């Protein structure tokens, strides 16, 4: 089973809203990545020899993440949930980091966003693809208040009152805003850094790891629109 197929296979089994960490294991063969976990749970989130790595590349200001000590710039911003801020993330995958090529500073795979422009994916992934690690949940879908089109919810919807986040969605990052509060060093709703962090929150369609090839993953939310054509060829059952 390939790197990302393993991730998606296990994600379908283990992903339940705000991620529940599994602390007890038997055996050593879990695949790589193994299954979903919460980096904020620390070492208890994964079996021995695995680390719980955030797959969320969100960066300050909605920019591309400034990984590996690169300074923030007009196009690069501080990673909010990945690399050095991995413990702030509630979404990730158990990964055997010893097998990771070209890892981030914390040994984890490079987190990326499958919805980025091709040029941005190439810049962050070094020419590799960006593979979504978890399928969207039906609860991640909302009808855009301006267009009526079904789409995946985003953190920006929190600030406009379209979503209350929390337990409302299935794969949402930071449902209690604890990570954003730690990043901004305040939970003051009027603080611009806290507000910016909230606006960068995402559900599964915007999280992934860089890898050579990716399996096709349907956009669960787009399929709810009349006349939607499955990009993977068939409509998923259910």
Protein backbone atom coordinates (compact mmCIF):
# COMPACT_ATOMS: atom_id res chain seq x y z
CA UNK A 1 0.00 0.00 0.00
CA UNK A 2 1.47 3.34 -1.05
CA UNK A 3 2.36 6.24 1.27
CA UNK A 4 -0.83 8.21 0.71
CA UNK A 5 -3.21 5.31 -0.03
CA UNK A 6 -2.29 4.03 3.42
CA UNK A 7 -3.07 7.44 4.87
CA UNK A 8 -6.46 7.67 3.20
CA UNK A 9 -7.33 4.07 4.03
CA UNK A 10 -6.66 4.58 7.71
CA UNK A 11 -8.21 8.05 7.69
CA UNK A 12 -11.51 6.53 6.60
CA UNK A 13 -11.38 4.27 9.65
CA UNK A 14 -10.04 6.58 12.33
CA UNK A 15 -11.08 10.15 11.44
CA UNK A 16 -13.99 11.35 13.62
CA UNK A 17 -14.42 15.12 13.81
CA UNK A 18 -11.96 16.51 16.33
CA UNK A 19 -9.40 13.73 16.12
CA UNK A 20 -9.37 11.09 18.84
CA UNK A 21 -5.87 9.87 19.63
CA UNK A 22 -5.34 6.12 19.98
CA UNK A 23 -2.91 5.27 22.77
CA UNK A 24 -2.81 1.45 22.81
CA UNK A 25 -1.36 -0.66 20.00
CA UNK A 26 -0.33 -4.20 19.24
CA UNK A 27 2.14 -5.15 16.51
CA UNK A 28 4.42 -2.91 14.47
CA UNK A 29 2.94 -2.80 10.97
CA UNK A 30 0.60 0.17 10.69
CA UNK A 31 1.60 1.51 7.30
CA UNK A 32 3.27 4.89 6.81
CA UNK A 33 1.55 7.19 7.50
CA UNK A 34 -0.43 4.92 9.78
CA UNK A 35 -3.64 6.72 10.75
CA UNK A 36 -4.98 10.05 11.90
CA UNK A 37 -3.92 11.53 15.21
CA UNK A 38 -3.86 14.80 17.14
CA UNK A 39 -0.33 16.30 17.40
CA UNK A 40 -1.53 18.25 20.44
CA UNK A 41 -1.79 14.90 22.28
CA UNK A 42 2.00 14.46 22.12
CA UNK A 43 3.73 11.08 22.27
CA UNK A 44 0.56 9.27 23.37
CA UNK A 45 -1.01 9.89 19.97
CA UNK A 46 1.06 7.31 18.07
CA UNK A 47 2.80 3.94 18.56
CA UNK A 48 6.52 3.63 19.21
CA UNK A 49 8.77 4.85 16.38
CA UNK A 50 5.96 7.03 15.00
CA UNK A 51 5.44 10.77 15.45
CA UNK A 52 2.13 12.58 15.11
CA UNK A 53 2.80 15.04 12.28
CA UNK A 54 0.51 17.89 11.35
CA UNK A 55 -0.67 17.86 7.73
CA UNK A 56 -1.88 21.46 7.99
CA UNK A 57 0.27 23.97 6.04
CA UNK A 58 -1.71 27.05 7.12
CA UNK A 59 0.55 30.07 7.49
CA UNK A 60 0.15 33.55 8.90
CA UNK A 61 -1.51 35.99 6.53
CA UNK A 62 -2.73 33.21 4.23
CA UNK A 63 0.76 33.00 2.71
CA UNK A 64 2.78 29.92 1.83
CA UNK A 65 4.54 28.42 4.87
CA UNK A 66 8.09 29.56 5.60
CA UNK A 67 9.58 26.16 6.44
CA UNK A 68 13.09 25.18 7.59
CA UNK A 69 13.97 28.52 9.15
CA UNK A 70 13.28 30.61 6.06
CA UNK A 71 12.39 34.17 7.02
CA UNK A 72 8.86 35.46 6.58
CA UNK A 73 8.42 37.63 3.50
CA UNK A 74 5.80 39.07 1.18
CA UNK A 75 4.95 35.54 0.03
CA UNK A 76 5.94 33.37 3.01
CA UNK A 77 4.44 33.38 6.50
CA UNK A 78 5.08 31.59 9.78
CA UNK A 79 3.54 28.10 9.82
CA UNK A 80 0.67 28.08 12.31
CA UNK A 81 0.25 24.34 12.87
CA UNK A 82 3.14 22.55 11.13
CA UNK A 83 6.87 22.11 11.79
CA UNK A 84 7.87 23.99 14.98
CA UNK A 85 4.19 24.64 15.80
CA UNK A 86 3.23 20.99 15.35
CA UNK A 87 2.00 20.75 19.01
CA UNK A 88 -0.66 23.40 18.27
CA UNK A 89 -2.34 21.19 15.66
CA UNK A 90 -5.35 18.96 16.32
CA UNK A 91 -5.05 17.29 12.90
CA UNK A 92 -2.26 15.02 11.71
CA UNK A 93 -1.02 11.56 10.81
CA UNK A 94 1.14 9.05 12.67
CA UNK A 95 4.33 8.87 10.60
CA UNK A 96 7.54 6.86 10.87
CA UNK A 97 9.78 9.87 10.49
CA UNK A 98 12.91 7.76 9.94
CA UNK A 99 11.53 6.96 6.48
CA UNK A 100 10.75 10.56 5.52
CA UNK A 101 12.87 12.04 2.73
CA UNK A 102 13.62 15.78 2.92
CA UNK A 103 11.75 16.28 6.19
CA UNK A 104 10.85 19.51 7.91
CA UNK A 105 12.91 20.72 10.87
CA UNK A 106 10.87 18.52 13.25
CA UNK A 107 11.41 15.41 11.12
CA UNK A 108 7.86 15.38 9.72
CA UNK A 109 6.83 15.24 6.05
CA UNK A 110 6.20 18.54 4.30
CA UNK A 111 2.62 19.65 4.93
CA UNK A 112 0.92 21.18 1.89
CA UNK A 113 -2.47 22.28 0.60
CA UNK A 114 -3.92 20.32 -2.36
CA UNK A 115 -6.01 23.37 -3.36
CA UNK A 116 -2.96 25.60 -3.88
CA UNK A 117 -2.06 26.72 -7.39
CA UNK A 118 0.24 24.29 -9.21
CA UNK A 119 3.17 26.73 -8.97
CA UNK A 120 2.77 27.04 -5.19
CA UNK A 121 2.61 23.25 -4.76
CA UNK A 122 5.76 22.93 -6.84
CA UNK A 123 7.56 25.57 -4.77
CA UNK A 124 6.71 23.93 -1.44
CA UNK A 125 6.89 20.29 -2.55
CA UNK A 126 10.01 20.64 -4.70
CA UNK A 127 8.30 19.30 -7.80
CA UNK A 128 6.34 16.55 -6.02
CA UNK A 129 2.56 16.40 -5.79
CA UNK A 130 0.44 17.46 -2.80
CA UNK A 131 -1.68 14.55 -1.59
CA UNK A 132 -4.82 15.04 0.47
CA UNK A 133 -4.55 12.81 3.56
CA UNK A 134 -8.20 12.65 4.61
CA UNK A 135 -11.53 12.76 2.82
CA UNK A 136 -14.01 15.52 3.52
CA UNK A 137 -16.89 14.64 5.80
CA UNK A 138 -20.42 15.55 4.72
CA UNK A 139 -20.57 17.80 7.79
CA UNK A 140 -17.73 19.86 6.31
CA UNK A 141 -20.05 21.13 3.57
CA UNK A 142 -21.98 24.40 3.56
CA UNK A 143 -23.97 26.31 0.97
CA UNK A 144 -22.19 29.55 0.19
CA UNK A 145 -24.49 32.36 1.43
CA UNK A 146 -23.70 34.48 -1.64
CA UNK A 147 -23.91 31.89 -4.42
CA UNK A 148 -25.86 28.97 -2.96
CA UNK A 149 -23.14 26.63 -4.19
CA UNK A 150 -22.10 23.77 -1.92
CA UNK A 151 -18.44 23.97 -0.87
CA UNK A 152 -16.11 23.02 1.96
CA UNK A 153 -16.29 25.34 4.95
CA UNK A 154 -13.25 27.52 5.73
CA UNK A 155 -12.01 29.41 8.75
CA UNK A 156 -13.00 32.65 7.06
CA UNK A 157 -16.62 31.54 7.51
CA UNK A 158 -16.14 31.86 11.26
CA UNK A 159 -15.44 35.57 11.04
CA UNK A 160 -18.48 36.23 8.84
CA UNK A 161 -20.81 34.22 11.07
CA UNK A 162 -21.50 31.51 8.47
CA UNK A 163 -20.07 28.83 10.77
CA UNK A 164 -19.63 28.47 14.51
CA UNK A 165 -16.87 25.84 13.93
CA UNK A 166 -16.52 23.86 17.20
CA UNK A 167 -18.12 20.41 16.83
CA UNK A 168 -20.21 21.55 13.87
CA UNK A 169 -17.92 20.02 11.22
CA UNK A 170 -16.27 16.65 10.71
CA UNK A 171 -12.59 17.29 9.96
CA UNK A 172 -12.07 20.86 11.16
CA UNK A 173 -8.74 22.03 12.54
CA UNK A 174 -8.58 23.53 16.03
CA UNK A 175 -12.29 23.16 16.95
CA UNK A 176 -11.82 24.87 20.34
CA UNK A 177 -9.41 27.55 19.02
CA UNK A 178 -6.77 26.48 21.54
CA UNK A 179 -4.05 26.35 18.88
CA UNK A 180 -4.91 29.80 17.56
CA UNK A 181 -4.96 31.19 21.09
CA UNK A 182 -1.48 29.78 21.72
CA UNK A 183 -0.17 31.06 18.39
CA UNK A 184 -1.58 34.55 18.92
CA UNK A 185 -0.85 34.45 22.67
CA UNK A 186 -4.41 35.65 23.24
CA UNK A 187 -7.98 34.49 22.70
CA UNK A 188 -9.24 38.07 22.36
CA UNK A 189 -11.63 38.00 19.42
CA UNK A 190 -10.60 41.53 18.45
CA UNK A 191 -6.89 40.69 18.26
CA UNK A 192 -5.75 40.77 14.59
CA UNK A 193 -3.32 37.84 14.97
CA UNK A 194 -6.02 35.69 16.57
CA UNK A 195 -8.52 36.71 13.89
CA UNK A 196 -6.02 35.92 11.14
CA UNK A 197 -5.37 32.49 12.65
CA UNK A 198 -9.09 31.72 12.73
CA UNK A 199 -9.40 32.72 9.09
CA UNK A 200 -6.65 30.22 8.13
CA UNK A 201 -8.42 27.23 9.73
CA UNK A 202 -9.46 24.49 7.34
CA UNK A 203 -11.14 21.15 6.83
CA UNK A 204 -9.64 18.10 5.09
CA UNK A 205 -9.56 19.41 1.51
CA UNK A 206 -6.81 21.91 2.43
CA UNK A 207 -4.49 19.50 4.24
CA UNK A 208 -1.95 17.03 2.89
CA UNK A 209 1.64 15.88 2.52
CA UNK A 210 4.02 16.22 -0.40
CA UNK A 211 4.50 12.91 -2.21
CA UNK A 212 5.49 11.64 -5.66
CA UNK A 213 1.98 10.56 -6.69
CA UNK A 214 -1.50 10.83 -5.22
CA UNK A 215 -4.69 8.78 -5.38
CA UNK A 216 -7.79 10.59 -6.60
CA UNK A 217 -9.92 11.99 -3.77
CA UNK A 218 -13.45 13.21 -4.48
CA UNK A 219 -14.63 16.62 -3.36
CA UNK A 220 -17.55 15.50 -1.18
CA UNK A 221 -18.97 18.99 -1.02
CA UNK A 222 -18.79 19.79 -4.73
CA UNK A 223 -20.67 16.57 -5.47
CA UNK A 224 -23.69 17.98 -3.63
CA UNK A 225 -24.21 20.55 -6.39
CA UNK A 226 -26.68 19.79 -9.22
CA UNK A 227 -24.93 18.41 -12.29
CA UNK A 228 -21.62 17.84 -10.46
CA UNK A 229 -19.27 15.49 -12.33
CA UNK A 230 -17.14 13.15 -10.15
CA UNK A 231 -13.47 13.85 -10.80
CA UNK A 232 -12.55 10.26 -9.91
CA UNK A 233 -15.01 8.75 -12.36
CA UNK A 234 -17.69 7.39 -10.03
CA UNK A 235 -19.81 8.82 -7.26
CA UNK A 236 -18.70 7.41 -3.87
CA UNK A 237 -21.25 5.14 -2.20
CA UNK A 238 -23.23 6.58 0.69
